[in-house]
Each structure stands twice: as structure tokens, then as C-alpha cells.
């Protein structure tokens, strides 16, 4: 499945302006932890919440 070009531009803008926290988390997991985006999106909502909390804790602890 390929994402249309217009969606790429919107995603980049949301990353740059920080308007999409979940997309920012997925980027963090990709860039720092080596996760593929699907590794995150295949998780249950409860697992995603826990991943968000743990990632936030790690970023704040590094502060």
C-alpha cells in the first residue's frame, strides 16, 4: 500500500508543527528505537497508551 503524495506533505507538516502527538511518538520510536510504524499501529489501544507513557517518561528522564 502506498500513501498518496498529498498525505506525505500533510504528515511532514504535522511532524514539524507538533500538531499530531501520536505521529510524533511513531517518529520517535522509528528514529530512536528502530521500530517500523506498523510495529506501533498493530498494538492494542492499551499497549499504545503504555508505550506513550513509557516513551514520555524516558524523554523526561533524559531531560
PDB file of N, CA and C in Angstrom:
ATOM      1  N   UNK A   1       0.844  -1.187   0.000  1.00  0.00           N
ATOM      2  CA  UNK A   1       0.000   0.000   0.000  1.00  0.00           C
ATOM      3  C   UNK A   1       0.881   1.240   0.000  1.00  0.00           C
ATOM      4  N   UNK A   2       0.590   2.145  -0.867  1.00  0.00           N
ATOM      5  CA  UNK A   2       1.370   3.379  -0.972  1.00  0.00           C
ATOM      6  C   UNK A   2       0.510   4.553  -0.525  1.00  0.00           C
ATOM      7  N   UNK A   3       1.109   5.448   0.242  1.00  0.00           N
ATOM      8  CA  UNK A   3       0.415   6.641   0.711  1.00  0.00           C
ATOM      9  C   UNK A   3       0.497   7.703  -0.382  1.00  0.00           C
ATOM     10  N   UNK A   4      -0.644   8.309  -0.741  1.00  0.00           N
ATOM     11  CA  UNK A   4      -0.615   9.370  -1.762  1.00  0.00           C
ATOM     12  C   UNK A   4       0.308  10.511  -1.366  1.00  0.00           C
ATOM     13  N   UNK A   5       0.889  11.174  -2.370  1.00  0.00           N
ATOM     14  CA  UNK A   5       1.853  12.255  -2.133  1.00  0.00           C
ATOM     15  C   UNK A   5       1.301  13.355  -1.236  1.00  0.00           C
ATOM     16  N   UNK A   6       0.047  13.727  -1.398  1.00  0.00           N
ATOM     17  CA  UNK A   6      -0.542  14.770  -0.562  1.00  0.00           C
ATOM     18  C   UNK A   6      -0.511  14.397   0.909  1.00  0.00           C
ATOM     19  N   UNK A   7      -0.694  13.119   1.222  1.00  0.00           N
ATOM     20  CA  UNK A   7      -0.651  12.662   2.607  1.00  0.00           C
ATOM     21  C   UNK A   7       0.747  12.786   3.187  1.00  0.00           C
ATOM     22  N   UNK A   8       1.771  12.567   2.364  1.00  0.00           N
ATOM     23  CA  UNK A   8       3.152  12.731   2.833  1.00  0.00           C
ATOM     24  C   UNK A   8       3.401  14.167   3.285  1.00  0.00           C
ATOM     25  N   UNK A   9       2.949  15.103   2.487  1.00  0.00           N
ATOM     26  CA  UNK A   9       3.164  16.516   2.827  1.00  0.00           C
ATOM     27  C   UNK A   9       2.422  16.888   4.114  1.00  0.00           C
ATOM     28  N   UNK A  10       1.179  16.409   4.269  1.00  0.00           N
ATOM     29  CA  UNK A  10       0.420  16.712   5.485  1.00  0.00           C
ATOM     30  C   UNK A  10       1.081  16.083   6.701  1.00  0.00           C
ATOM     31  N   UNK A  11       1.584  14.847   6.547  1.00  0.00           N
ATOM     32  CA  UNK A  11       2.251  14.185   7.668  1.00  0.00           C
ATOM     33  C   UNK A  11       3.511  14.936   8.062  1.00  0.00           C
ATOM     34  N   UNK A  12       4.280  15.378   7.084  1.00  0.00           N
ATOM     35  CA  UNK A  12       5.505  16.130   7.375  1.00  0.00           C
ATOM     36  C   UNK A  12       5.165  17.426   8.109  1.00  0.00           C
ATOM     37  N   UNK A  13       4.118  18.110   7.664  1.00  0.00           N
ATOM     38  CA  UNK A  13       3.713  19.360   8.324  1.00  0.00           C
ATOM     39  C   UNK A  13       3.294  19.073   9.767  1.00  0.00           C
ATOM     40  N   UNK A  14       2.534  17.997  10.000  1.00  0.00           N
ATOM     41  CA  UNK A  14       2.097  17.664  11.354  1.00  0.00           C
ATOM     42  C   UNK A  14       3.285  17.322  12.239  1.00  0.00           C
ATOM     43  N   UNK A  15       4.308  16.695  11.675  1.00  0.00           N
ATOM     44  CA  UNK A  15       5.516  16.413  12.454  1.00  0.00           C
ATOM     45  C   UNK A  15       6.251  17.697  12.795  1.00  0.00           C
ATOM     46  N   UNK A  16       6.404  18.563  11.805  1.00  0.00           N
ATOM     47  CA  UNK A  16       7.163  19.796  12.002  1.00  0.00           C
ATOM     48  C   UNK A  16       6.492  20.738  12.988  1.00  0.00           C
ATOM     49  N   UNK A  17       5.158  20.849  12.941  1.00  0.00           N
ATOM     50  CA  UNK A  17       4.498  21.800  13.835  1.00  0.00           C
ATOM     51  C   UNK A  17       4.035  21.153  15.145  1.00  0.00           C
ATOM     52  N   UNK A  18       4.219  19.838  15.276  1.00  0.00           N
ATOM     53  CA  UNK A  18       3.886  19.155  16.525  1.00  0.00           C
ATOM     54  C   UNK A  18       2.404  19.019  16.789  1.00  0.00           C
ATOM     55  N   UNK A  19       1.580  19.129  15.734  1.00  0.00           N
ATOM     56  CA  UNK A  19       0.136  19.087  15.928  1.00  0.00           C
ATOM     57  C   UNK A  19      -0.431  17.678  16.058  1.00  0.00           C
ATOM     58  N   UNK A  20       0.381  16.661  15.812  1.00  0.00           N
ATOM     59  CA  UNK A  20      -0.092  15.274  15.906  1.00  0.00           C
ATOM     60  C   UNK A  20       0.840  14.514  16.850  1.00  0.00           C
ATOM     61  N   UNK A  21       0.442  14.417  18.120  1.00  0.00           N
ATOM     62  CA  UNK A  21       1.303  13.795  19.124  1.00  0.00           C
ATOM     63  C   UNK A  21       1.576  12.325  18.824  1.00  0.00           C
ATOM     64  N   UNK A  22       0.572  11.612  18.325  1.00  0.00           N
ATOM     65  CA  UNK A  22       0.771  10.189  18.036  1.00  0.00           C
ATOM     66  C   UNK A  22       1.775  10.000  16.899  1.00  0.00           C
ATOM     67  N   UNK A  23       1.692  10.828  15.883  1.00  0.00           N
ATOM     68  CA  UNK A  23       2.659  10.755  14.782  1.00  0.00           C
ATOM     69  C   UNK A  23       4.063  11.079  15.284  1.00  0.00           C
ATOM     70  N   UNK A  24       4.179  12.043  16.198  1.00  0.00           N
ATOM     71  CA  UNK A  24       5.474  12.356  16.804  1.00  0.00           C
ATOM     72  C   UNK A  24       6.031  11.173  17.575  1.00  0.00           C
ATOM     73  N   UNK A  25       5.154  10.463  18.293  1.00  0.00           N
ATOM     74  CA  UNK A  25       5.582   9.271  19.021  1.00  0.00           C
ATOM     75  C   UNK A  25       6.064   8.195  18.057  1.00  0.00           C
ATOM     76  N   UNK A  26       5.325   7.977  16.972  1.00  0.00           N
ATOM     77  CA  UNK A  26       5.727   6.969  15.981  1.00  0.00           C
ATOM     78  C   UNK A  26       7.080   7.335  15.382  1.00  0.00           C
ATOM     79  N   UNK A  27       7.295   8.629  15.115  1.00  0.00           N
ATOM     80  CA  UNK A  27       8.598   9.057  14.595  1.00  0.00           C
ATOM     81  C   UNK A  27       9.704   8.794  15.613  1.00  0.00           C
ATOM     82  N   UNK A  28       9.448   9.116  16.876  1.00  0.00           N
ATOM     83  CA  UNK A  28      10.427   8.857  17.940  1.00  0.00           C
ATOM     84  C   UNK A  28      10.775   7.373  17.998  1.00  0.00           C
ATOM     85  N   UNK A  29       9.762   6.527  17.984  1.00  0.00           N
ATOM     86  CA  UNK A  29      10.008   5.082  18.041  1.00  0.00           C
ATOM     87  C   UNK A  29      10.796   4.610  16.832  1.00  0.00           C
ATOM     88  N   UNK A  30      10.511   5.176  15.659  1.00  0.00           N
ATOM     89  CA  UNK A  30      11.223   4.824  14.434  1.00  0.00           C
ATOM     90  C   UNK A  30      12.673   5.298  14.502  1.00  0.00           C
ATOM     91  N   UNK A  31      12.855   6.563  14.853  1.00  0.00           N
ATOM     92  CA  UNK A  31      14.182   7.183  14.808  1.00  0.00           C
ATOM     93  C   UNK A  31      15.101   6.707  15.936  1.00  0.00           C
ATOM     94  N   UNK A  32      14.586   6.601  17.148  1.00  0.00           N
ATOM     95  CA  UNK A  32      15.412   6.291  18.307  1.00  0.00           C
ATOM     96  C   UNK A  32      15.441   4.789  18.607  1.00  0.00           C
ATOM     97  N   UNK A  33      14.309   4.129  18.447  1.00  0.00           N
ATOM     98  CA  UNK A  33      14.205   2.724  18.849  1.00  0.00           C
ATOM     99  C   UNK A  33      14.279   1.732  17.691  1.00  0.00           C
ATOM    100  N   UNK A  34      14.202   2.241  16.465  1.00  0.00           N
ATOM    101  CA  UNK A  34      14.291   1.353  15.307  1.00  0.00           C
ATOM    102  C   UNK A  34      13.007   0.583  15.008  1.00  0.00           C
ATOM    103  N   UNK A  35      11.877   1.072  15.508  1.00  0.00           N
ATOM    104  CA  UNK A  35      10.590   0.424  15.244  1.00  0.00           C
ATOM    105  C   UNK A  35      10.084   0.835  13.866  1.00  0.00           C
ATOM    106  N   UNK A  36       9.444  -0.084  13.170  1.00  0.00           N
ATOM    107  CA  UNK A  36       8.695   0.264  11.968  1.00  0.00           C
ATOM    108  C   UNK A  36       7.351   0.832  12.424  1.00  0.00           C
ATOM    109  N   UNK A  37       6.763   1.756  11.677  1.00  0.00           N
ATOM    110  CA  UNK A  37       5.476   2.306  12.100  1.00  0.00           C
ATOM    111  C   UNK A  37       4.414   1.228  12.383  1.00  0.00           C
ATOM    112  N   UNK A  38       4.408   0.173  11.605  1.00  0.00           N
ATOM    113  CA  UNK A  38       3.443  -0.901  11.821  1.00  0.00           C
ATOM    114  C   UNK A  38       3.625  -1.603  13.152  1.00  0.00           C
ATOM    115  N   UNK A  39       4.851  -1.590  13.683  1.00  0.00           N
ATOM    116  CA  UNK A  39       5.096  -2.193  14.998  1.00  0.00           C
ATOM    117  C   UNK A  39       4.260  -1.493  16.061  1.00  0.00           C
ATOM    118  N   UNK A  40       4.070  -0.205  15.902  1.00  0.00           N
ATOM    119  CA  UNK A  40       3.257   0.566  16.845  1.00  0.00           C
ATOM    120  C   UNK A  40       1.769   0.401  16.538  1.00  0.00           C
ATOM    121  N   UNK A  41       1.398   0.579  15.278  1.00  0.00           N
ATOM    122  CA  UNK A  41      -0.020   0.588  14.919  1.00  0.00           C
ATOM    123  C   UNK A  41      -0.693  -0.778  15.070  1.00  0.00           C
ATOM    124  N   UNK A  42       0.071  -1.864  15.105  1.00  0.00           N
ATOM    125  CA  UNK A  42      -0.517  -3.189  15.312  1.00  0.00           C
ATOM    126  C   UNK A  42      -0.822  -3.484  16.783  1.00  0.00           C
ATOM    127  N   UNK A  43      -0.371  -2.621  17.678  1.00  0.00           N
ATOM    128  CA  UNK A  43      -0.611  -2.816  19.112  1.00  0.00           C
ATOM    129  C   UNK A  43      -2.059  -2.469  19.455  1.00  0.00           C
ATOM    130  N   UNK A  44      -2.526  -3.027  20.570  1.00  0.00           N
ATOM    131  CA  UNK A  44      -3.868  -2.692  21.048  1.00  0.00           C
ATOM    132  C   UNK A  44      -3.857  -1.266  21.601  1.00  0.00           C
ATOM    133  N   UNK A  45      -5.032  -0.651  21.730  1.00  0.00           N
ATOM    134  CA  UNK A  45      -5.068   0.708  22.299  1.00  0.00           C
ATOM    135  C   UNK A  45      -4.424   0.797  23.685  1.00  0.00           C
ATOM    136  N   UNK A  46      -4.604  -0.210  24.521  1.00  0.00           N
ATOM    137  CA  UNK A  46      -3.982  -0.199  25.849  1.00  0.00           C
ATOM    138  C   UNK A  46      -2.465  -0.251  25.769  1.00  0.00           C
ATOM    139  N   UNK A  47      -1.953  -1.069  24.849  1.00  0.00           N
ATOM    140  CA  UNK A  47      -0.494  -1.141  24.664  1.00  0.00           C
ATOM    141  C   UNK A  47       0.045   0.192  24.147  1.00  0.00           C
ATOM    142  N   UNK A  48      -0.698   0.830  23.246  1.00  0.00           N
ATOM    143  CA  UNK A  48      -0.265   2.129  22.723  1.00  0.00           C
ATOM    144  C   UNK A  48      -0.199   3.166  23.841  1.00  0.00           C
ATOM    145  N   UNK A  49      -1.204   3.155  24.727  1.00  0.00           N
ATOM    146  CA  UNK A  49      -1.191   4.089  25.858  1.00  0.00           C
ATOM    147  C   UNK A  49       0.033   3.867  26.734  1.00  0.00           C
ATOM    148  N   UNK A  50       0.340   2.603  27.002  1.00  0.00           N
ATOM    149  CA  UNK A  50       1.507   2.280  27.829  1.00  0.00           C
ATOM    150  C   UNK A  50       2.799   2.693  27.138  1.00  0.00           C
ATOM    151  N   UNK A  51       2.911   2.448  25.848  1.00  0.00           N
ATOM    152  CA  UNK A  51       4.096   2.839  25.086  1.00  0.00           C
ATOM    153  C   UNK A  51       4.271   4.358  25.146  1.00  0.00           C
ATOM    154  N   UNK A  52       3.171   5.090  25.008  1.00  0.00           N
ATOM    155  CA  UNK A  52       3.225   6.554  25.081  1.00  0.00           C
ATOM    156  C   UNK A  52       3.726   6.998  26.452  1.00  0.00           C
ATOM    157  N   UNK A  53       3.192   6.395  27.504  1.00  0.00           N
ATOM    158  CA  UNK A  53       3.605   6.768  28.863  1.00  0.00           C
ATOM    159  C   UNK A  53       5.081   6.453  29.092  1.00  0.00           C
ATOM    160  N   UNK A  54       5.527   5.291  28.650  1.00  0.00           N
ATOM    161  CA  UNK A  54       6.924   4.913  28.847  1.00  0.00           C
ATOM    162  C   UNK A  54       7.871   5.789  28.031  1.00  0.00           C
ATOM    163  N   UNK A  55       7.482   6.104  26.800  1.00  0.00           N
ATOM    164  CA  UNK A  55       8.321   6.971  25.967  1.00  0.00           C
ATOM    165  C   UNK A  55       8.398   8.370  26.572  1.00  0.00           C
ATOM    166  N   UNK A  56       7.276   8.880  27.068  1.00  0.00           N
ATOM    167  CA  UNK A  56       7.274  10.200  27.714  1.00  0.00           C
ATOM    168  C   UNK A  56       8.175  10.206  28.939  1.00  0.00           C
ATOM    169  N   UNK A  57       8.089   9.152  29.722  1.00  0.00           N
ATOM    170  CA  UNK A  57       8.937   9.041  30.911  1.00  0.00           C
ATOM    171  C   UNK A  57      10.408   9.021  30.530  1.00  0.00           C
ATOM    172  N   UNK A  58      10.748   8.265  29.495  1.00  0.00           N
ATOM    173  CA  UNK A  58      12.143   8.175  29.063  1.00  0.00           C
ATOM    174  C   UNK A  58      12.666   9.533  28.582  1.00  0.00           C
ATOM    175  N   UNK A  59      11.860  10.235  27.808  1.00  0.00           N
ATOM    176  CA  UNK A  59      12.285  11.539  27.283  1.00  0.00           C
ATOM    177  C   UNK A  59      12.474  12.526  28.434  1.00  0.00           C
ATOM    178  N   UNK A  60      11.550  12.545  29.394  1.00  0.00           N
ATOM    179  CA  UNK A  60      11.673  13.447  30.537  1.00  0.00           C
ATOM    180  C   UNK A  60      12.872  13.093  31.418  1.00  0.00           C
ATOM    181  N   UNK A  61      13.140  11.803  31.585  1.00  0.00           N
ATOM    182  CA  UNK A  61      14.268  11.353  32.413  1.00  0.00           C
ATOM    183  C   UNK A  61      15.603  11.754  31.774  1.00  0.00           C
ATOM    184  N   UNK A  62      15.640  11.763  30.452  1.00  0.00           N
ATOM    185  CA  UNK A  62      16.862  12.176  29.751  1.00  0.00           C
ATOM    186  C   UNK A  62      17.078  13.668  29.849  1.00  0.00           C
ATOM    187  N   UNK A  63      15.935  14.406  29.961  1.00  0.00           N
ATOM    188  CA  UNK A  63      15.828  15.824  30.034  1.00  0.00           C
ATOM    189  C   UNK A  63      16.934  16.683  29.953  1.00  0.00           C
TER     190      UNK A  63
END
